[in-house]
C-alpha cells in the first residue's frame, strides 16, 4: 500500500470510522465489477478503493433516518 495515500487518508477531516466504511463499500463495488469483467489488476481492491476515496472520486452522503424529511 502506498504510504502517501495512507497518510492522506489519516489526515482527512471526516470521521475515520465512516471513511473506513466508505472504503469498504467501494472495495466491494470494485471487486464485483472486476468479477463481471474478468479483468485482472495488479494491486488489491482495497488499495484501489482507498486511493479513490482520498482523491475524492468516491462521493458519499449520510442518509436521513426513515420518517424524517
C-alpha atoms as a PDB file:
ATOM      1  CA  UNK A   1       0.000   0.000   0.000  1.00  0.00           C
ATOM      2  CA  UNK A   2       1.216   3.454  -0.852  1.00  0.00           C
ATOM      3  CA  UNK A   3       2.375   5.293   2.293  1.00  0.00           C
ATOM      4  CA  UNK A   4       1.398   8.713   0.917  1.00  0.00           C
ATOM      5  CA  UNK A   5      -2.143   7.504   0.269  1.00  0.00           C
ATOM      6  CA  UNK A   6      -2.439   6.134   3.796  1.00  0.00           C
ATOM      7  CA  UNK A   7      -1.102   9.363   5.306  1.00  0.00           C
ATOM      8  CA  UNK A   8      -3.579  11.386   3.258  1.00  0.00           C
ATOM      9  CA  UNK A   9      -6.393   9.100   4.455  1.00  0.00           C
ATOM     10  CA  UNK A  10      -5.391   9.530   8.106  1.00  0.00           C
ATOM     11  CA  UNK A  11      -5.229  13.316   7.686  1.00  0.00           C
ATOM     12  CA  UNK A  12      -8.755  13.603   6.268  1.00  0.00           C
ATOM     13  CA  UNK A  13     -11.078  15.622   8.491  1.00  0.00           C
ATOM     14  CA  UNK A  14     -14.079  13.275   8.374  1.00  0.00           C
ATOM     15  CA  UNK A  15     -14.797  10.540  10.890  1.00  0.00           C
ATOM     16  CA  UNK A  16     -12.247   7.767  10.261  1.00  0.00           C
ATOM     17  CA  UNK A  17     -14.728   5.018  11.034  1.00  0.00           C
ATOM     18  CA  UNK A  18     -17.177   6.345   8.461  1.00  0.00           C
ATOM     19  CA  UNK A  19     -14.353   6.663   5.934  1.00  0.00           C
ATOM     20  CA  UNK A  20     -13.401   3.024   6.549  1.00  0.00           C
ATOM     21  CA  UNK A  21     -16.996   2.047   5.797  1.00  0.00           C
ATOM     22  CA  UNK A  22     -16.906   4.086   2.579  1.00  0.00           C
ATOM     23  CA  UNK A  23     -13.617   2.447   1.513  1.00  0.00           C
ATOM     24  CA  UNK A  24     -15.045  -0.980   2.314  1.00  0.00           C
ATOM     25  CA  UNK A  25     -18.170  -0.417   0.219  1.00  0.00           C
ATOM     26  CA  UNK A  26     -16.088   0.947  -2.658  1.00  0.00           C
ATOM     27  CA  UNK A  27     -13.771  -2.077  -2.494  1.00  0.00           C
ATOM     28  CA  UNK A  28     -16.781  -4.410  -2.670  1.00  0.00           C
ATOM     29  CA  UNK A  29     -18.133  -2.457  -5.644  1.00  0.00           C
ATOM     30  CA  UNK A  30     -14.790  -2.627  -7.466  1.00  0.00           C
ATOM     31  CA  UNK A  31     -14.472  -6.339  -6.703  1.00  0.00           C
ATOM     32  CA  UNK A  32     -17.924  -7.034  -8.158  1.00  0.00           C
ATOM     33  CA  UNK A  33     -17.113  -5.036 -11.297  1.00  0.00           C
ATOM     34  CA  UNK A  34     -13.843  -6.922 -11.761  1.00  0.00           C
ATOM     35  CA  UNK A  35     -15.634 -10.255 -11.388  1.00  0.00           C
ATOM     36  CA  UNK A  36     -18.148  -9.269 -14.059  1.00  0.00           C
ATOM     37  CA  UNK A  37     -15.494  -8.077 -16.489  1.00  0.00           C
ATOM     38  CA  UNK A  38     -12.983 -10.916 -15.874  1.00  0.00           C
ATOM     39  CA  UNK A  39     -10.327  -8.228 -15.702  1.00  0.00           C
ATOM     40  CA  UNK A  40      -7.232  -8.675 -13.543  1.00  0.00           C
ATOM     41  CA  UNK A  41      -5.457  -5.899 -11.661  1.00  0.00           C
ATOM     42  CA  UNK A  42      -2.009  -5.859 -10.116  1.00  0.00           C
ATOM     43  CA  UNK A  43      -2.984  -4.299  -6.793  1.00  0.00           C
ATOM     44  CA  UNK A  44      -5.564  -5.137  -4.161  1.00  0.00           C
ATOM     45  CA  UNK A  45      -9.065  -3.734  -4.493  1.00  0.00           C
ATOM     46  CA  UNK A  46      -8.796  -2.167  -1.024  1.00  0.00           C
ATOM     47  CA  UNK A  47      -5.770  -0.177  -2.187  1.00  0.00           C
ATOM     48  CA  UNK A  48      -7.641   0.987  -5.276  1.00  0.00           C
ATOM     49  CA  UNK A  49     -10.687   1.936  -3.185  1.00  0.00           C
ATOM     50  CA  UNK A  50      -8.568   3.799  -0.627  1.00  0.00           C
ATOM     51  CA  UNK A  51      -6.845   5.798  -3.358  1.00  0.00           C
ATOM     52  CA  UNK A  52     -10.203   6.668  -4.974  1.00  0.00           C
ATOM     53  CA  UNK A  53     -11.597   7.936  -1.645  1.00  0.00           C
ATOM     54  CA  UNK A  54      -8.500  10.043  -0.925  1.00  0.00           C
ATOM     55  CA  UNK A  55      -8.599  11.533  -4.447  1.00  0.00           C
ATOM     56  CA  UNK A  56     -12.245  12.484  -3.953  1.00  0.00           C
ATOM     57  CA  UNK A  57     -13.530  10.224  -6.736  1.00  0.00           C
ATOM     58  CA  UNK A  58     -15.999   8.474  -4.412  1.00  0.00           C
ATOM     59  CA  UNK A  59     -18.988  10.562  -3.423  1.00  0.00           C
ATOM     60  CA  UNK A  60     -20.933   9.671  -0.306  1.00  0.00           C
ATOM     61  CA  UNK A  61     -23.544  11.271   1.868  1.00  0.00           C
ATOM     62  CA  UNK A  62     -25.404  10.472   5.046  1.00  0.00           C
ATOM     63  CA  UNK A  63     -28.883   9.052   4.568  1.00  0.00           C
ATOM     64  CA  UNK A  64     -31.685  10.663   6.524  1.00  0.00           C
ATOM     65  CA  UNK A  65     -33.250   8.361   9.102  1.00  0.00           C
ATOM     66  CA  UNK A  66     -36.588   6.961   7.962  1.00  0.00           C
ATOM     67  CA  UNK A  67     -39.533   9.153   8.850  1.00  0.00           C
ATOM     68  CA  UNK A  68     -37.504  12.360   8.683  1.00  0.00           C
ATOM     69  CA  UNK A  69     -37.989  14.893   5.886  1.00  0.00           C
END
